[in-house]
Amino acid sequence: CMTHALWSGELAESFHEPSSPNQMALYETPDRC
């Protein structure tokens, strides 16, 4: 259970994710591509 918990528990589910608020900003390249 310890090995299983390691890979399926909180540590394994610790993802990098946007903060809240995420302060998102968008910029367009000159060619709009």
ModelCIF file with pLDDT and N, C-alpha, C, O atoms, coordinates in Angstrom:
data_MODEL
#
_entry.id   MODEL 
#
_entity.id                         1 
_entity.type                       polymer 
_entity.pdbx_number_of_molecules   1 
#
_entity_poly.entity_id                      1 
_entity_poly.type                           'polypeptide(L)' 
_entity_poly.nstd_linkage                   no 
_entity_poly.nstd_monomer                   no 
_entity_poly.pdbx_seq_one_letter_code       CMTHALWSGELAESFHEPSSPNQMALYETPDRC 
_entity_poly.pdbx_seq_one_letter_code_can   CMTHALWSGELAESFHEPSSPNQMALYETPDRC 
_entity_poly.pdbx_strand_id                 A 
#
loop_
_entity_poly_seq.entity_id 
_entity_poly_seq.num 
_entity_poly_seq.mon_id 
_entity_poly_seq.hetero 
1 1  CYS n 
1 2  MET n 
1 3  THR n 
1 4  HIS n 
1 5  ALA n 
1 6  LEU n 
1 7  TRP n 
1 8  SER n 
1 9  GLY n 
1 10 GLU n 
1 11 LEU n 
1 12 ALA n 
1 13 GLU n 
1 14 SER n 
1 15 PHE n 
1 16 HIS n 
1 17 GLU n 
1 18 PRO n 
1 19 SER n 
1 20 SER n 
1 21 PRO n 
1 22 ASN n 
1 23 GLN n 
1 24 MET n 
1 25 ALA n 
1 26 LEU n 
1 27 TYR n 
1 28 GLU n 
1 29 THR n 
1 30 PRO n 
1 31 ASP n 
1 32 ARG n 
1 33 CYS n 
#
_struct_asym.id          A 
_struct_asym.entity_id   1 
#
loop_
_ma_qa_metric.id 
_ma_qa_metric.mode 
_ma_qa_metric.name 
_ma_qa_metric.software_group_id 
_ma_qa_metric.type 
1 global pLDDT . pLDDT 
2 local  pLDDT . pLDDT 
#
_ma_qa_metric_global.metric_id      1 
_ma_qa_metric_global.metric_value   75.76 
_ma_qa_metric_global.model_id       1 
_ma_qa_metric_global.ordinal_id     1 
#
loop_
_ma_qa_metric_local.label_asym_id 
_ma_qa_metric_local.label_comp_id 
_ma_qa_metric_local.label_seq_id 
_ma_qa_metric_local.metric_id 
_ma_qa_metric_local.metric_value 
_ma_qa_metric_local.model_id 
_ma_qa_metric_local.ordinal_id 
A CYS 1  2 61.00 1 1  
A MET 2  2 55.00 1 2  
A THR 3  2 53.00 1 3  
A HIS 4  2 55.00 1 4  
A ALA 5  2 54.00 1 5  
A LEU 6  2 48.00 1 6  
A TRP 7  2 49.00 1 7  
A SER 8  2 50.00 1 8  
A GLY 9  2 49.00 1 9  
A GLU 10 2 48.00 1 10 
A LEU 11 2 51.00 1 11 
A ALA 12 2 51.00 1 12 
A GLU 13 2 51.00 1 13 
A SER 14 2 70.00 1 14 
A PHE 15 2 85.00 1 15 
A HIS 16 2 93.00 1 16 
A GLU 17 2 94.00 1 17 
A PRO 18 2 96.00 1 18 
A SER 19 2 95.00 1 19 
A SER 20 2 92.00 1 20 
A PRO 21 2 93.00 1 21 
A ASN 22 2 96.00 1 22 
A GLN 23 2 96.00 1 23 
A MET 24 2 97.00 1 24 
A ALA 25 2 97.00 1 25 
A LEU 26 2 97.00 1 26 
A TYR 27 2 97.00 1 27 
A GLU 28 2 94.00 1 28 
A THR 29 2 92.00 1 29 
A PRO 30 2 89.00 1 30 
A ASP 31 2 86.00 1 31 
A ARG 32 2 81.00 1 32 
A CYS 33 2 85.00 1 33 
#
loop_
_atom_site.group_PDB 
_atom_site.id 
_atom_site.type_symbol 
_atom_site.label_atom_id 
_atom_site.label_alt_id 
_atom_site.label_comp_id 
_atom_site.label_asym_id 
_atom_site.label_entity_id 
_atom_site.label_seq_id 
_atom_site.pdbx_PDB_ins_code 
_atom_site.Cartn_x 
_atom_site.Cartn_y 
_atom_site.Cartn_z 
_atom_site.occupancy 
_atom_site.B_iso_or_equiv 
_atom_site.pdbx_formal_charge 
_atom_site.auth_seq_id 
_atom_site.auth_comp_id 
_atom_site.auth_asym_id 
_atom_site.auth_atom_id 
_atom_site.pdbx_PDB_model_num 
ATOM 1   N N  . CYS A 1 1  ? 0.821  -1.207 0.000   1.00 61.00 ? 1  CYS A N  1 
ATOM 2   C CA . CYS A 1 1  ? 0.000  0.000  0.000   1.00 61.00 ? 1  CYS A CA 1 
ATOM 3   C C  . CYS A 1 1  ? 0.857  1.259  0.000   1.00 61.00 ? 1  CYS A C  1 
ATOM 4   O O  . CYS A 1 1  ? 0.433  2.291  -0.519  1.00 61.00 ? 1  CYS A O  1 
ATOM 5   N N  . MET A 1 2  ? 2.054  1.191  0.573   1.00 55.00 ? 2  MET A N  1 
ATOM 6   C CA . MET A 1 2  ? 2.899  2.379  0.608   1.00 55.00 ? 2  MET A CA 1 
ATOM 7   C C  . MET A 1 2  ? 3.375  2.754  -0.795  1.00 55.00 ? 2  MET A C  1 
ATOM 8   O O  . MET A 1 2  ? 3.367  3.925  -1.175  1.00 55.00 ? 2  MET A O  1 
ATOM 9   N N  . THR A 1 3  ? 3.788  1.746  -1.550  1.00 53.00 ? 3  THR A N  1 
ATOM 10  C CA . THR A 1 3  ? 4.220  1.997  -2.920  1.00 53.00 ? 3  THR A CA 1 
ATOM 11  C C  . THR A 1 3  ? 3.043  2.454  -3.768  1.00 53.00 ? 3  THR A C  1 
ATOM 12  O O  . THR A 1 3  ? 3.168  3.373  -4.578  1.00 53.00 ? 3  THR A O  1 
ATOM 13  N N  . HIS A 1 4  ? 1.908  1.810  -3.578  1.00 55.00 ? 4  HIS A N  1 
ATOM 14  C CA . HIS A 1 4  ? 0.709  2.203  -4.330  1.00 55.00 ? 4  HIS A CA 1 
ATOM 15  C C  . HIS A 1 4  ? 0.301  3.633  -3.998  1.00 55.00 ? 4  HIS A C  1 
ATOM 16  O O  . HIS A 1 4  ? -0.030 4.414  -4.890  1.00 55.00 ? 4  HIS A O  1 
ATOM 17  N N  . ALA A 1 5  ? 0.327  3.974  -2.709  1.00 54.00 ? 5  ALA A N  1 
ATOM 18  C CA . ALA A 1 5  ? -0.057 5.323  -2.292  1.00 54.00 ? 5  ALA A CA 1 
ATOM 19  C C  . ALA A 1 5  ? 0.908  6.366  -2.842  1.00 54.00 ? 5  ALA A C  1 
ATOM 20  O O  . ALA A 1 5  ? 0.514  7.486  -3.165  1.00 54.00 ? 5  ALA A O  1 
ATOM 21  N N  . LEU A 1 6  ? 2.176  5.980  -2.942  1.00 48.00 ? 6  LEU A N  1 
ATOM 22  C CA . LEU A 1 6  ? 3.171  6.919  -3.468  1.00 48.00 ? 6  LEU A CA 1 
ATOM 23  C C  . LEU A 1 6  ? 2.837  7.325  -4.895  1.00 48.00 ? 6  LEU A C  1 
ATOM 24  O O  . LEU A 1 6  ? 2.915  8.501  -5.250  1.00 48.00 ? 6  LEU A O  1 
ATOM 25  N N  . TRP A 1 7  ? 2.457  6.329  -5.723  1.00 49.00 ? 7  TRP A N  1 
ATOM 26  C CA . TRP A 1 7  ? 2.242  6.597  -7.146  1.00 49.00 ? 7  TRP A CA 1 
ATOM 27  C C  . TRP A 1 7  ? 0.812  6.999  -7.473  1.00 49.00 ? 7  TRP A C  1 
ATOM 28  O O  . TRP A 1 7  ? 0.541  7.451  -8.585  1.00 49.00 ? 7  TRP A O  1 
ATOM 29  N N  . SER A 1 8  ? -0.096 6.844  -6.539  1.00 50.00 ? 8  SER A N  1 
ATOM 30  C CA . SER A 1 8  ? -1.483 7.224  -6.816  1.00 50.00 ? 8  SER A CA 1 
ATOM 31  C C  . SER A 1 8  ? -1.991 8.297  -5.867  1.00 50.00 ? 8  SER A C  1 
ATOM 32  O O  . SER A 1 8  ? -3.122 8.761  -6.008  1.00 50.00 ? 8  SER A O  1 
ATOM 33  N N  . GLY A 1 9  ? -1.171 8.696  -4.905  1.00 49.00 ? 9  GLY A N  1 
ATOM 34  C CA . GLY A 1 9  ? -1.616 9.648  -3.892  1.00 49.00 ? 9  GLY A CA 1 
ATOM 35  C C  . GLY A 1 9  ? -1.321 11.086 -4.236  1.00 49.00 ? 9  GLY A C  1 
ATOM 36  O O  . GLY A 1 9  ? -1.178 11.453 -5.403  1.00 49.00 ? 9  GLY A O  1 
ATOM 37  N N  . GLU A 1 10 ? -1.233 11.892 -3.200  1.00 48.00 ? 10 GLU A N  1 
ATOM 38  C CA . GLU A 1 10 ? -1.113 13.340 -3.366  1.00 48.00 ? 10 GLU A CA 1 
ATOM 39  C C  . GLU A 1 10 ? 0.177  13.738 -4.067  1.00 48.00 ? 10 GLU A C  1 
ATOM 40  O O  . GLU A 1 10 ? 0.186  14.679 -4.860  1.00 48.00 ? 10 GLU A O  1 
ATOM 41  N N  . LEU A 1 11 ? 1.275  13.024 -3.780  1.00 51.00 ? 11 LEU A N  1 
ATOM 42  C CA . LEU A 1 11 ? 2.539  13.379 -4.404  1.00 51.00 ? 11 LEU A CA 1 
ATOM 43  C C  . LEU A 1 11 ? 2.487  13.163 -5.907  1.00 51.00 ? 11 LEU A C  1 
ATOM 44  O O  . LEU A 1 11 ? 2.959  14.002 -6.675  1.00 51.00 ? 11 LEU A O  1 
ATOM 45  N N  . ALA A 1 12 ? 1.918  12.045 -6.328  1.00 51.00 ? 12 ALA A N  1 
ATOM 46  C CA . ALA A 1 12 ? 1.831  11.764 -7.757  1.00 51.00 ? 12 ALA A CA 1 
ATOM 47  C C  . ALA A 1 12 ? 0.880  12.712 -8.468  1.00 51.00 ? 12 ALA A C  1 
ATOM 48  O O  . ALA A 1 12 ? 1.030  12.985 -9.659  1.00 51.00 ? 12 ALA A O  1 
ATOM 49  N N  . GLU A 1 13 ? -0.095 13.209 -7.725  1.00 51.00 ? 13 GLU A N  1 
ATOM 50  C CA . GLU A 1 13 ? -1.081 14.105 -8.328  1.00 51.00 ? 13 GLU A CA 1 
ATOM 51  C C  . GLU A 1 13 ? -0.681 15.567 -8.211  1.00 51.00 ? 13 GLU A C  1 
ATOM 52  O O  . GLU A 1 13 ? -1.475 16.455 -8.522  1.00 51.00 ? 13 GLU A O  1 
ATOM 53  N N  . SER A 1 14 ? 0.530  15.823 -7.771  1.00 70.00 ? 14 SER A N  1 
ATOM 54  C CA . SER A 1 14 ? 0.995  17.201 -7.628  1.00 70.00 ? 14 SER A CA 1 
ATOM 55  C C  . SER A 1 14 ? 1.445  17.739 -8.984  1.00 70.00 ? 14 SER A C  1 
ATOM 56  O O  . SER A 1 14 ? 2.601  17.586 -9.376  1.00 70.00 ? 14 SER A O  1 
ATOM 57  N N  . PHE A 1 15 ? 0.523  18.363 -9.680  1.00 85.00 ? 15 PHE A N  1 
ATOM 58  C CA . PHE A 1 15 ? 0.796  18.864 -11.013 1.00 85.00 ? 15 PHE A CA 1 
ATOM 59  C C  . PHE A 1 15 ? 1.188  20.338 -10.975 1.00 85.00 ? 15 PHE A C  1 
ATOM 60  O O  . PHE A 1 15 ? 0.820  21.077 -10.061 1.00 85.00 ? 15 PHE A O  1 
ATOM 61  N N  . HIS A 1 16 ? 1.939  20.741 -11.984 1.00 93.00 ? 16 HIS A N  1 
ATOM 62  C CA . HIS A 1 16 ? 2.143  22.155 -12.259 1.00 93.00 ? 16 HIS A CA 1 
ATOM 63  C C  . HIS A 1 16 ? 0.847  22.656 -12.894 1.00 93.00 ? 16 HIS A C  1 
ATOM 64  O O  . HIS A 1 16 ? 0.346  22.044 -13.838 1.00 93.00 ? 16 HIS A O  1 
ATOM 65  N N  . GLU A 1 17 ? 0.311  23.741 -12.398 1.00 94.00 ? 17 GLU A N  1 
ATOM 66  C CA . GLU A 1 17 ? -0.960 24.236 -12.910 1.00 94.00 ? 17 GLU A CA 1 
ATOM 67  C C  . GLU A 1 17 ? -1.034 25.749 -12.793 1.00 94.00 ? 17 GLU A C  1 
ATOM 68  O O  . GLU A 1 17 ? -0.277 26.348 -12.029 1.00 94.00 ? 17 GLU A O  1 
ATOM 69  N N  . PRO A 1 18 ? -1.944 26.380 -13.546 1.00 96.00 ? 18 PRO A N  1 
ATOM 70  C CA . PRO A 1 18 ? -2.081 27.837 -13.462 1.00 96.00 ? 18 PRO A CA 1 
ATOM 71  C C  . PRO A 1 18 ? -2.521 28.269 -12.067 1.00 96.00 ? 18 PRO A C  1 
ATOM 72  O O  . PRO A 1 18 ? -3.294 27.579 -11.404 1.00 96.00 ? 18 PRO A O  1 
ATOM 73  N N  . SER A 1 19 ? -2.023 29.406 -11.642 1.00 95.00 ? 19 SER A N  1 
ATOM 74  C CA . SER A 1 19 ? -2.439 29.938 -10.342 1.00 95.00 ? 19 SER A CA 1 
ATOM 75  C C  . SER A 1 19 ? -3.843 30.543 -10.472 1.00 95.00 ? 19 SER A C  1 
ATOM 76  O O  . SER A 1 19 ? -4.383 30.654 -11.572 1.00 95.00 ? 19 SER A O  1 
ATOM 77  N N  . SER A 1 20 ? -4.404 30.919 -9.365  1.00 92.00 ? 20 SER A N  1 
ATOM 78  C CA . SER A 1 20 ? -5.720 31.560 -9.378  1.00 92.00 ? 20 SER A CA 1 
ATOM 79  C C  . SER A 1 20 ? -5.659 32.851 -8.561  1.00 92.00 ? 20 SER A C  1 
ATOM 80  O O  . SER A 1 20 ? -5.520 32.800 -7.339  1.00 92.00 ? 20 SER A O  1 
ATOM 81  N N  . PRO A 1 21 ? -5.762 34.019 -9.227  1.00 93.00 ? 21 PRO A N  1 
ATOM 82  C CA . PRO A 1 21 ? -5.942 34.223 -10.669 1.00 93.00 ? 21 PRO A CA 1 
ATOM 83  C C  . PRO A 1 21 ? -4.656 33.923 -11.432 1.00 93.00 ? 21 PRO A C  1 
ATOM 84  O O  . PRO A 1 21 ? -3.557 33.973 -10.880 1.00 93.00 ? 21 PRO A O  1 
ATOM 85  N N  . ASN A 1 22 ? -4.823 33.608 -12.720 1.00 96.00 ? 22 ASN A N  1 
ATOM 86  C CA . ASN A 1 22 ? -3.660 33.182 -13.496 1.00 96.00 ? 22 ASN A CA 1 
ATOM 87  C C  . ASN A 1 22 ? -2.919 34.329 -14.183 1.00 96.00 ? 22 ASN A C  1 
ATOM 88  O O  . ASN A 1 22 ? -1.841 34.121 -14.740 1.00 96.00 ? 22 ASN A O  1 
ATOM 89  N N  . GLN A 1 23 ? -3.487 35.539 -14.150 1.00 96.00 ? 23 GLN A N  1 
ATOM 90  C CA . GLN A 1 23 ? -2.827 36.720 -14.736 1.00 96.00 ? 23 GLN A CA 1 
ATOM 91  C C  . GLN A 1 23 ? -2.433 36.482 -16.197 1.00 96.00 ? 23 GLN A C  1 
ATOM 92  O O  . GLN A 1 23 ? -1.348 36.871 -16.630 1.00 96.00 ? 23 GLN A O  1 
ATOM 93  N N  . MET A 1 24 ? -3.318 35.845 -16.938 1.00 97.00 ? 24 MET A N  1 
ATOM 94  C CA . MET A 1 24 ? -3.010 35.511 -18.327 1.00 97.00 ? 24 MET A CA 1 
ATOM 95  C C  . MET A 1 24 ? -2.946 36.759 -19.204 1.00 97.00 ? 24 MET A C  1 
ATOM 96  O O  . MET A 1 24 ? -3.730 37.695 -19.045 1.00 97.00 ? 24 MET A O  1 
ATOM 97  N N  . ALA A 1 25 ? -2.004 36.746 -20.121 1.00 97.00 ? 25 ALA A N  1 
ATOM 98  C CA . ALA A 1 25 ? -1.863 37.809 -21.116 1.00 97.00 ? 25 ALA A CA 1 
ATOM 99  C C  . ALA A 1 25 ? -1.525 37.156 -22.449 1.00 97.00 ? 25 ALA A C  1 
ATOM 100 O O  . ALA A 1 25 ? -0.761 36.192 -22.492 1.00 97.00 ? 25 ALA A O  1 
ATOM 101 N N  . LEU A 1 26 ? -2.094 37.679 -23.546 1.00 97.00 ? 26 LEU A N  1 
ATOM 102 C CA . LEU A 1 26 ? -1.907 37.106 -24.870 1.00 97.00 ? 26 LEU A CA 1 
ATOM 103 C C  . LEU A 1 26 ? -1.306 38.151 -25.807 1.00 97.00 ? 26 LEU A C  1 
ATOM 104 O O  . LEU A 1 26 ? -1.650 39.331 -25.745 1.00 97.00 ? 26 LEU A O  1 
ATOM 105 N N  . TYR A 1 27 ? -0.404 37.696 -26.673 1.00 97.00 ? 27 TYR A N  1 
ATOM 106 C CA . TYR A 1 27 ? 0.254  38.591 -27.632 1.00 97.00 ? 27 TYR A CA 1 
ATOM 107 C C  . TYR A 1 27 ? 0.255  37.936 -29.011 1.00 97.00 ? 27 TYR A C  1 
ATOM 108 O O  . TYR A 1 27 ? 0.423  36.723 -29.144 1.00 97.00 ? 27 TYR A O  1 
ATOM 109 N N  . GLU A 1 28 ? 0.066  38.756 -30.015 1.00 94.00 ? 28 GLU A N  1 
ATOM 110 C CA . GLU A 1 28 ? -0.009 38.255 -31.384 1.00 94.00 ? 28 GLU A CA 1 
ATOM 111 C C  . GLU A 1 28 ? 1.255  38.597 -32.153 1.00 94.00 ? 28 GLU A C  1 
ATOM 112 O O  . GLU A 1 28 ? 1.756  39.719 -32.081 1.00 94.00 ? 28 GLU A O  1 
ATOM 113 N N  . THR A 1 29 ? 1.770  37.608 -32.898 1.00 92.00 ? 29 THR A N  1 
ATOM 114 C CA . THR A 1 29 ? 2.945  37.859 -33.730 1.00 92.00 ? 29 THR A CA 1 
ATOM 115 C C  . THR A 1 29 ? 2.519  38.705 -34.937 1.00 92.00 ? 29 THR A C  1 
ATOM 116 O O  . THR A 1 29 ? 1.348  38.694 -35.316 1.00 92.00 ? 29 THR A O  1 
ATOM 117 N N  . PRO A 1 30 ? 3.458  39.433 -35.537 1.00 89.00 ? 30 PRO A N  1 
ATOM 118 C CA . PRO A 1 30 ? 3.105  40.326 -36.657 1.00 89.00 ? 30 PRO A CA 1 
ATOM 119 C C  . PRO A 1 30 ? 2.412  39.611 -37.814 1.00 89.00 ? 30 PRO A C  1 
ATOM 120 O O  . PRO A 1 30 ? 1.549  40.198 -38.466 1.00 89.00 ? 30 PRO A O  1 
ATOM 121 N N  . ASP A 1 31 ? 2.771  38.359 -38.081 1.00 86.00 ? 31 ASP A N  1 
ATOM 122 C CA . ASP A 1 31 ? 2.147  37.641 -39.195 1.00 86.00 ? 31 ASP A CA 1 
ATOM 123 C C  . ASP A 1 31 ? 0.838  36.961 -38.797 1.00 86.00 ? 31 ASP A C  1 
ATOM 124 O O  . ASP A 1 31 ? 0.198  36.306 -39.619 1.00 86.00 ? 31 ASP A O  1 
ATOM 125 N N  . ARG A 1 32 ? 0.446  37.118 -37.541 1.00 81.00 ? 32 ARG A N  1 
ATOM 126 C CA . ARG A 1 32 ? -0.788 36.549 -37.005 1.00 81.00 ? 32 ARG A CA 1 
ATOM 127 C C  . ARG A 1 32 ? -0.829 35.018 -37.090 1.00 81.00 ? 32 ARG A C  1 
ATOM 128 O O  . ARG A 1 32 ? -1.901 34.415 -37.041 1.00 81.00 ? 32 ARG A O  1 
ATOM 129 N N  . CYS A 1 33 ? 0.308  34.420 -37.214 1.00 85.00 ? 33 CYS A N  1 
ATOM 130 C CA . CYS A 1 33 ? 0.357  32.960 -37.300 1.00 85.00 ? 33 CYS A CA 1 
ATOM 131 C C  . CYS A 1 33 ? 0.525  32.294 -35.930 1.00 85.00 ? 33 CYS A C  1 
ATOM 132 O O  . CYS A 1 33 ? 0.582  31.067 -35.843 1.00 85.00 ? 33 CYS A O  1 
#
